[in-house]
Structures are given as structure tokens and as C-alpha cells.
């Protein structure tokens, strides 16, 4: 592509483009804008992408279990967080059995003396196969795994989940891909954005660090 090619294309484009949202300071001064919608106030906005990173054995999964349990009952203040409305949760745990996750959830329930759940906790364990959002196609190029993305969106909608925990981040792309490469990270972010756009659920991924 040459500069002349771009110039020619520029001349062909319309004067207005709906992809851009134009505003001015005067207009903003006179406009009442909606506030941020929070799943947990000042911590986790609805439809956001959040990340928890740490080395092995520092308690990442324990923290996720506490968050899931407390969100399901609407008692996040017992963790020292702002109080949240009860919410259902989807937890994709590619390295854990369902029973192990339930043990962690029970431990959190007892530790924080939680009341009855008003939302459901939906667990997808490793025994159902590795859940991935990015795969390699037949020629080795990265692409979104349409089937897996679709089944996750459907489950979020089934249980009306406010948040999805994806644990761990390293397993969300095909085994042959480098999860730390910019290309893989960009593709995973693309998947996250599509899922949040379709569901308004927050995505919370857990990442192992060296």
C-alpha cells in the first residue's frame, strides 16, 4: 500500500463517519452523563475486564472462591469490600475439579458466615476439557474459538451471571501459542470484549506470574 493508494481512498470516503463519537467541552458541560454501573462499587464495573496476577500458592484461587461466594449472597462487605447486589457467577477453572472448587466455596461460606445464595455459582471444571477462547486454525493462524465463546455467552445468559472468572489465563489459548505474545494477548482481549459486549458481565481472569 502506497501513500497514493491511501490518498485515493481518503477522497472516496464520506465526510462523516459513524465510527467516531464527536463531542465538545461546551456540549459536555450542558450534558448529564450516566454514572458508572458497578458490580462492586469502586472495584469492579459491570461489563469490565479485570485481572488478578500473582505467583503460585499466594491464594489467588482462594480469593476468587471468596469473591464468588460473597457475590452470590450479596455480602462482599464481609471481605472488606463495598457491599454489592447479589449476582450469579460463572467460574471456568481449567486446572481444578468441581469438587475442589466446591470445597473452596464451602470454606469461604463458613469463614465469612454467609447467608443463603441469591445468585447461582456455575462451575466448569477441568474434567470437561480445557476451555479455550483462542485456537490455531488448520494453517496455524490464531482465531477466536467460536464454539467455546458461544457456549460461554450462553451459560452467562442462562444463569444471568454478573461476573465470569477465567482461571488461569495461560490456558485460554491453544497449547502451542505463547500466552505472553502480543498477538495472543490481542486475540484474547478481542474475545473478552466480544463476550462482555454480548452479556454485560465482567470478565475476571487469573494469571500466574513467575
C-alpha atoms as a PDB file:
ATOM      1  CA  UNK A   1       0.000   0.000   0.000  1.00  0.00           C
ATOM      2  CA  UNK A   2       1.424   3.361  -1.072  1.00  0.00           C
ATOM      3  CA  UNK A   3       0.709   6.915   0.070  1.00  0.00           C
ATOM      4  CA  UNK A   4      -1.121   7.475  -3.209  1.00  0.00           C
ATOM      5  CA  UNK A   5      -3.374   4.467  -2.504  1.00  0.00           C
ATOM      6  CA  UNK A   6      -4.316   5.968   0.877  1.00  0.00           C
ATOM      7  CA  UNK A   7      -4.921   9.418  -0.634  1.00  0.00           C
ATOM      8  CA  UNK A   8      -7.237   7.927  -3.217  1.00  0.00           C
ATOM      9  CA  UNK A   9      -9.163   6.009  -0.547  1.00  0.00           C
ATOM     10  CA  UNK A  10      -9.468   9.142   1.617  1.00  0.00           C
ATOM     11  CA  UNK A  11     -11.080  11.009  -1.264  1.00  0.00           C
ATOM     12  CA  UNK A  12     -13.636   8.202  -1.685  1.00  0.00           C
ATOM     13  CA  UNK A  13     -14.768   8.243   1.955  1.00  0.00           C
ATOM     14  CA  UNK A  14     -17.799  10.167   3.220  1.00  0.00           C
ATOM     15  CA  UNK A  15     -17.330  13.418   5.128  1.00  0.00           C
ATOM     16  CA  UNK A  16     -18.994  11.903   8.197  1.00  0.00           C
ATOM     17  CA  UNK A  17     -18.135   8.597   9.890  1.00  0.00           C
ATOM     18  CA  UNK A  18     -20.452   6.973  12.452  1.00  0.00           C
ATOM     19  CA  UNK A  19     -17.476   5.147  13.968  1.00  0.00           C
ATOM     20  CA  UNK A  20     -16.432   8.382  15.688  1.00  0.00           C
ATOM     21  CA  UNK A  21     -18.449   9.949  18.514  1.00  0.00           C
ATOM     22  CA  UNK A  22     -17.833  13.704  18.377  1.00  0.00           C
ATOM     23  CA  UNK A  23     -18.169  15.894  21.470  1.00  0.00           C
ATOM     24  CA  UNK A  24     -17.162  19.347  22.676  1.00  0.00           C
ATOM     25  CA  UNK A  25     -16.411  20.791  26.099  1.00  0.00           C
ATOM     26  CA  UNK A  26     -19.425  23.133  25.782  1.00  0.00           C
ATOM     27  CA  UNK A  27     -21.690  20.231  24.943  1.00  0.00           C
ATOM     28  CA  UNK A  28     -20.322  18.110  27.769  1.00  0.00           C
ATOM     29  CA  UNK A  29     -20.814  20.980  30.229  1.00  0.00           C
ATOM     30  CA  UNK A  30     -24.521  21.027  29.392  1.00  0.00           C
ATOM     31  CA  UNK A  31     -25.000  17.250  29.271  1.00  0.00           C
ATOM     32  CA  UNK A  32     -25.818  14.968  32.188  1.00  0.00           C
ATOM     33  CA  UNK A  33     -23.763  11.798  31.703  1.00  0.00           C
ATOM     34  CA  UNK A  34     -24.751   8.477  33.305  1.00  0.00           C
ATOM     35  CA  UNK A  35     -22.553   7.230  36.117  1.00  0.00           C
ATOM     36  CA  UNK A  36     -20.504   4.045  36.075  1.00  0.00           C
ATOM     37  CA  UNK A  37     -22.556   0.916  36.718  1.00  0.00           C
ATOM     38  CA  UNK A  38     -20.743  -1.116  39.359  1.00  0.00           C
ATOM     39  CA  UNK A  39     -20.875  -4.809  40.141  1.00  0.00           C
ATOM     40  CA  UNK A  40     -18.781  -3.971  43.236  1.00  0.00           C
ATOM     41  CA  UNK A  41     -18.587  -0.202  43.753  1.00  0.00           C
ATOM     42  CA  UNK A  42     -15.147   1.287  43.079  1.00  0.00           C
ATOM     43  CA  UNK A  43     -13.772  -2.222  42.476  1.00  0.00           C
ATOM     44  CA  UNK A  44     -15.440  -3.968  39.530  1.00  0.00           C
ATOM     45  CA  UNK A  45     -17.567  -2.153  36.934  1.00  0.00           C
ATOM     46  CA  UNK A  46     -20.246  -4.105  35.104  1.00  0.00           C
ATOM     47  CA  UNK A  47     -19.018  -5.321  31.727  1.00  0.00           C
ATOM     48  CA  UNK A  48     -15.380  -4.668  32.612  1.00  0.00           C
ATOM     49  CA  UNK A  49     -12.245  -6.766  32.160  1.00  0.00           C
ATOM     50  CA  UNK A  50     -10.325  -7.366  35.385  1.00  0.00           C
ATOM     51  CA  UNK A  51      -7.148  -9.277  36.138  1.00  0.00           C
ATOM     52  CA  UNK A  52      -5.644 -10.893  39.206  1.00  0.00           C
ATOM     53  CA  UNK A  53      -1.969 -11.830  38.934  1.00  0.00           C
ATOM     54  CA  UNK A  54       0.424 -13.476  41.343  1.00  0.00           C
ATOM     55  CA  UNK A  55       2.896 -16.283  41.846  1.00  0.00           C
ATOM     56  CA  UNK A  56       1.847 -19.830  42.660  1.00  0.00           C
ATOM     57  CA  UNK A  57       0.445 -20.585  46.107  1.00  0.00           C
ATOM     58  CA  UNK A  58      -0.276 -16.984  47.124  1.00  0.00           C
ATOM     59  CA  UNK A  59      -4.030 -17.609  47.363  1.00  0.00           C
ATOM     60  CA  UNK A  60      -5.404 -16.439  44.014  1.00  0.00           C
ATOM     61  CA  UNK A  61      -7.959 -19.243  43.744  1.00  0.00           C
ATOM     62  CA  UNK A  62      -8.887 -18.817  47.412  1.00  0.00           C
ATOM     63  CA  UNK A  63      -9.611 -15.140  46.756  1.00  0.00           C
ATOM     64  CA  UNK A  64     -11.706 -15.968  43.682  1.00  0.00           C
ATOM     65  CA  UNK A  65     -13.682 -18.503  45.744  1.00  0.00           C
ATOM     66  CA  UNK A  66     -14.352 -15.867  48.402  1.00  0.00           C
ATOM     67  CA  UNK A  67     -15.441 -13.350  45.750  1.00  0.00           C
ATOM     68  CA  UNK A  68     -17.720 -15.880  44.064  1.00  0.00           C
ATOM     69  CA  UNK A  69     -19.351 -16.947  47.315  1.00  0.00           C
ATOM     70  CA  UNK A  70     -19.786 -13.400  48.625  1.00  0.00           C
ATOM     71  CA  UNK A  71     -21.157 -12.110  45.310  1.00  0.00           C
ATOM     72  CA  UNK A  72     -23.701 -14.932  45.212  1.00  0.00           C
ATOM     73  CA  UNK A  73     -25.102 -13.812  48.572  1.00  0.00           C
ATOM     74  CA  UNK A  74     -24.513 -10.090  48.149  1.00  0.00           C
ATOM     75  CA  UNK A  75     -22.245  -9.947  51.208  1.00  0.00           C
ATOM     76  CA  UNK A  76     -18.985  -8.645  49.748  1.00  0.00           C
ATOM     77  CA  UNK A  77     -18.647  -6.268  52.696  1.00  0.00           C
ATOM     78  CA  UNK A  78     -17.615  -9.294  54.767  1.00  0.00           C
ATOM     79  CA  UNK A  79     -14.424  -9.376  52.667  1.00  0.00           C
ATOM     80  CA  UNK A  80     -13.770  -5.718  53.399  1.00  0.00           C
ATOM     81  CA  UNK A  81     -15.157  -4.630  50.020  1.00  0.00           C
ATOM     82  CA  UNK A  82     -18.120  -2.334  49.317  1.00  0.00           C
ATOM     83  CA  UNK A  83     -21.444  -4.154  49.567  1.00  0.00           C
ATOM     84  CA  UNK A  84     -22.680  -5.498  46.223  1.00  0.00           C
ATOM     85  CA  UNK A  85     -26.036  -6.657  44.991  1.00  0.00           C
ATOM     86  CA  UNK A  86     -26.309 -10.473  44.810  1.00  0.00           C
ATOM     87  CA  UNK A  87     -25.107 -11.861  41.493  1.00  0.00           C
ATOM     88  CA  UNK A  88     -24.762 -15.196  39.778  1.00  0.00           C
ATOM     89  CA  UNK A  89     -21.256 -16.261  38.816  1.00  0.00           C
ATOM     90  CA  UNK A  90     -19.688 -18.419  36.096  1.00  0.00           C
ATOM     91  CA  UNK A  91     -16.317 -19.919  37.031  1.00  0.00           C
ATOM     92  CA  UNK A  92     -14.203 -21.570  34.320  1.00  0.00           C
ATOM     93  CA  UNK A  93     -11.487 -23.460  36.197  1.00  0.00           C
ATOM     94  CA  UNK A  94      -9.196 -25.248  33.750  1.00  0.00           C
ATOM     95  CA  UNK A  95      -6.924 -26.677  36.436  1.00  0.00           C
ATOM     96  CA  UNK A  96      -9.396 -27.740  39.136  1.00  0.00           C
ATOM     97  CA  UNK A  97     -12.005 -30.417  39.734  1.00  0.00           C
ATOM     98  CA  UNK A  98     -15.526 -29.281  40.524  1.00  0.00           C
ATOM     99  CA  UNK A  99     -15.354 -30.903  43.967  1.00  0.00           C
ATOM    100  CA  UNK A 100     -12.171 -28.965  44.794  1.00  0.00           C
ATOM    101  CA  UNK A 101     -13.862 -25.693  43.850  1.00  0.00           C
ATOM    102  CA  UNK A 102     -16.883 -26.600  45.949  1.00  0.00           C
ATOM    103  CA  UNK A 103     -14.577 -27.236  48.922  1.00  0.00           C
ATOM    104  CA  UNK A 104     -13.102 -23.772  48.484  1.00  0.00           C
ATOM    105  CA  UNK A 105     -16.541 -22.221  48.189  1.00  0.00           C
ATOM    106  CA  UNK A 106     -17.693 -24.021  51.326  1.00  0.00           C
ATOM    107  CA  UNK A 107     -14.604 -22.837  53.200  1.00  0.00           C
ATOM    108  CA  UNK A 108     -15.365 -19.240  52.177  1.00  0.00           C
ATOM    109  CA  UNK A 109     -19.014 -19.657  53.164  1.00  0.00           C
ATOM    110  CA  UNK A 110     -18.004 -20.840  56.632  1.00  0.00           C
ATOM    111  CA  UNK A 111     -15.178 -18.321  57.053  1.00  0.00           C
ATOM    112  CA  UNK A 112     -17.424 -15.357  56.278  1.00  0.00           C
ATOM    113  CA  UNK A 113     -20.581 -16.875  57.763  1.00  0.00           C
ATOM    114  CA  UNK A 114     -22.509 -16.245  54.553  1.00  0.00           C
ATOM    115  CA  UNK A 115     -26.259 -16.441  54.242  1.00  0.00           C
ATOM    116  CA  UNK A 116     -28.256 -18.236  51.527  1.00  0.00           C
ATOM    117  CA  UNK A 117     -27.222 -17.613  47.922  1.00  0.00           C
ATOM    118  CA  UNK A 118     -29.477 -15.359  45.900  1.00  0.00           C
ATOM    119  CA  UNK A 119     -27.396 -15.996  42.798  1.00  0.00           C
ATOM    120  CA  UNK A 120     -26.027 -19.254  41.404  1.00  0.00           C
ATOM    121  CA  UNK A 121     -22.393 -20.310  41.012  1.00  0.00           C
ATOM    122  CA  UNK A 122     -21.844 -22.195  37.747  1.00  0.00           C
ATOM    123  CA  UNK A 123     -18.592 -24.192  37.681  1.00  0.00           C
ATOM    124  CA  UNK A 124     -16.912 -25.562  34.539  1.00  0.00           C
ATOM    125  CA  UNK A 125     -14.165 -27.931  35.779  1.00  0.00           C
ATOM    126  CA  UNK A 126     -11.114 -29.305  34.017  1.00  0.00           C
ATOM    127  CA  UNK A 127     -12.797 -32.701  33.598  1.00  0.00           C
ATOM    128  CA  UNK A 128     -14.938 -31.151  30.844  1.00  0.00           C
ATOM    129  CA  UNK A 129     -11.808 -30.462  28.800  1.00  0.00           C
ATOM    130  CA  UNK A 130      -9.664 -27.364  28.568  1.00  0.00           C
ATOM    131  CA  UNK A 131     -11.782 -24.319  27.870  1.00  0.00           C
ATOM    132  CA  UNK A 132     -10.109 -22.017  25.384  1.00  0.00           C
ATOM    133  CA  UNK A 133     -11.066 -18.783  23.680  1.00  0.00           C
ATOM    134  CA  UNK A 134      -8.268 -18.682  21.088  1.00  0.00           C
ATOM    135  CA  UNK A 135      -7.263 -21.580  18.851  1.00  0.00           C
ATOM    136  CA  UNK A 136      -5.000 -22.267  15.879  1.00  0.00           C
ATOM    137  CA  UNK A 137      -6.748 -22.961  12.603  1.00  0.00           C
ATOM    138  CA  UNK A 138      -5.651 -25.536  10.042  1.00  0.00           C
ATOM    139  CA  UNK A 139      -2.918 -23.265   8.658  1.00  0.00           C
ATOM    140  CA  UNK A 140      -1.582 -22.300  12.082  1.00  0.00           C
ATOM    141  CA  UNK A 141      -3.132 -18.840  12.353  1.00  0.00           C
ATOM    142  CA  UNK A 142      -4.777 -17.670  15.567  1.00  0.00           C
ATOM    143  CA  UNK A 143      -8.522 -17.205  15.597  1.00  0.00           C
ATOM    144  CA  UNK A 144     -11.323 -16.999  18.119  1.00  0.00           C
ATOM    145  CA  UNK A 145     -12.809 -20.350  19.108  1.00  0.00           C
ATOM    146  CA  UNK A 146     -16.360 -19.536  18.055  1.00  0.00           C
ATOM    147  CA  UNK A 147     -17.883 -22.633  19.657  1.00  0.00           C
ATOM    148  CA  UNK A 148     -16.312 -22.062  23.073  1.00  0.00           C
ATOM    149  CA  UNK A 149     -17.046 -18.325  23.046  1.00  0.00           C
ATOM    150  CA  UNK A 150     -20.667 -19.056  22.161  1.00  0.00           C
ATOM    151  CA  UNK A 151     -21.152 -21.686  24.864  1.00  0.00           C
ATOM    152  CA  UNK A 152     -19.728 -19.307  27.478  1.00  0.00           C
ATOM    153  CA  UNK A 153     -22.030 -16.477  26.394  1.00  0.00           C
ATOM    154  CA  UNK A 154     -24.990 -18.870  26.520  1.00  0.00           C
ATOM    155  CA  UNK A 155     -24.133 -20.018  30.051  1.00  0.00           C
ATOM    156  CA  UNK A 156     -23.731 -16.432  31.244  1.00  0.00           C
ATOM    157  CA  UNK A 157     -27.181 -15.679  29.885  1.00  0.00           C
ATOM    158  CA  UNK A 158     -28.683 -18.898  31.342  1.00  0.00           C
ATOM    159  CA  UNK A 159     -27.714 -18.041  34.907  1.00  0.00           C
ATOM    160  CA  UNK A 160     -27.750 -14.246  34.427  1.00  0.00           C
ATOM    161  CA  UNK A 161     -24.162 -14.019  35.670  1.00  0.00           C
ATOM    162  CA  UNK A 162     -22.717 -10.658  36.625  1.00  0.00           C
ATOM    163  CA  UNK A 163     -19.139 -11.912  36.503  1.00  0.00           C
ATOM    164  CA  UNK A 164     -17.109 -14.669  34.855  1.00  0.00           C
ATOM    165  CA  UNK A 165     -13.919 -15.970  36.439  1.00  0.00           C
ATOM    166  CA  UNK A 166     -11.410 -17.432  33.949  1.00  0.00           C
ATOM    167  CA  UNK A 167      -8.696 -19.380  35.753  1.00  0.00           C
ATOM    168  CA  UNK A 168      -5.917 -19.464  34.690  1.00  0.00           C
ATOM    169  CA  UNK A 169      -5.247 -17.068  31.799  1.00  0.00           C
ATOM    170  CA  UNK A 170      -2.443 -19.259  30.439  1.00  0.00           C
ATOM    171  CA  UNK A 171      -4.933 -21.994  29.476  1.00  0.00           C
ATOM    172  CA  UNK A 172      -7.303 -19.780  27.473  1.00  0.00           C
ATOM    173  CA  UNK A 173      -5.321 -20.145  24.243  1.00  0.00           C
ATOM    174  CA  UNK A 174      -4.115 -23.231  22.362  1.00  0.00           C
ATOM    175  CA  UNK A 175      -1.180 -25.013  23.976  1.00  0.00           C
ATOM    176  CA  UNK A 176       1.117 -24.201  21.080  1.00  0.00           C
ATOM    177  CA  UNK A 177       0.613 -20.443  21.468  1.00  0.00           C
ATOM    178  CA  UNK A 178       2.647 -18.115  23.654  1.00  0.00           C
ATOM    179  CA  UNK A 179       0.139 -16.513  26.003  1.00  0.00           C
ATOM    180  CA  UNK A 180       2.585 -13.664  26.657  1.00  0.00           C
ATOM    181  CA  UNK A 181       2.934 -12.709  22.989  1.00  0.00           C
ATOM    182  CA  UNK A 182       1.254  -9.513  21.846  1.00  0.00           C
ATOM    183  CA  UNK A 183      -0.656 -11.411  19.142  1.00  0.00           C
ATOM    184  CA  UNK A 184      -2.182 -13.905  21.586  1.00  0.00           C
ATOM    185  CA  UNK A 185      -2.932 -11.196  24.155  1.00  0.00           C
ATOM    186  CA  UNK A 186      -4.647  -9.112  21.474  1.00  0.00           C
ATOM    187  CA  UNK A 187      -6.747 -12.073  20.352  1.00  0.00           C
ATOM    188  CA  UNK A 188      -7.764 -12.923  23.925  1.00  0.00           C
ATOM    189  CA  UNK A 189      -8.684  -9.290  24.559  1.00  0.00           C
ATOM    190  CA  UNK A 190     -10.796  -9.394  21.412  1.00  0.00           C
ATOM    191  CA  UNK A 191     -12.629 -12.429  22.808  1.00  0.00           C
ATOM    192  CA  UNK A 192     -13.102 -10.742  26.191  1.00  0.00           C
ATOM    193  CA  UNK A 193     -14.564  -7.621  24.558  1.00  0.00           C
ATOM    194  CA  UNK A 194     -16.999  -9.609  22.448  1.00  0.00           C
ATOM    195  CA  UNK A 195     -18.208 -11.588  25.471  1.00  0.00           C
ATOM    196  CA  UNK A 196     -18.686  -8.501  27.631  1.00  0.00           C
ATOM    197  CA  UNK A 197     -20.478  -6.717  24.777  1.00  0.00           C
ATOM    198  CA  UNK A 198     -22.907  -9.628  24.402  1.00  0.00           C
ATOM    199  CA  UNK A 199     -23.579 -10.154  28.121  1.00  0.00           C
ATOM    200  CA  UNK A 200     -22.611  -7.018  30.124  1.00  0.00           C
ATOM    201  CA  UNK A 201     -20.880  -9.422  32.529  1.00  0.00           C
ATOM    202  CA  UNK A 202     -17.496  -8.527  33.990  1.00  0.00           C
ATOM    203  CA  UNK A 203     -14.626 -10.844  32.997  1.00  0.00           C
ATOM    204  CA  UNK A 204     -12.080 -11.570  35.699  1.00  0.00           C
ATOM    205  CA  UNK A 205      -9.061 -13.592  34.573  1.00  0.00           C
ATOM    206  CA  UNK A 206      -6.430 -15.068  36.860  1.00  0.00           C
ATOM    207  CA  UNK A 207      -2.816 -15.021  35.716  1.00  0.00           C
ATOM    208  CA  UNK A 208       0.199 -16.925  37.065  1.00  0.00           C
ATOM    209  CA  UNK A 209       3.352 -14.817  37.257  1.00  0.00           C
ATOM    210  CA  UNK A 210       6.959 -16.057  37.595  1.00  0.00           C
END
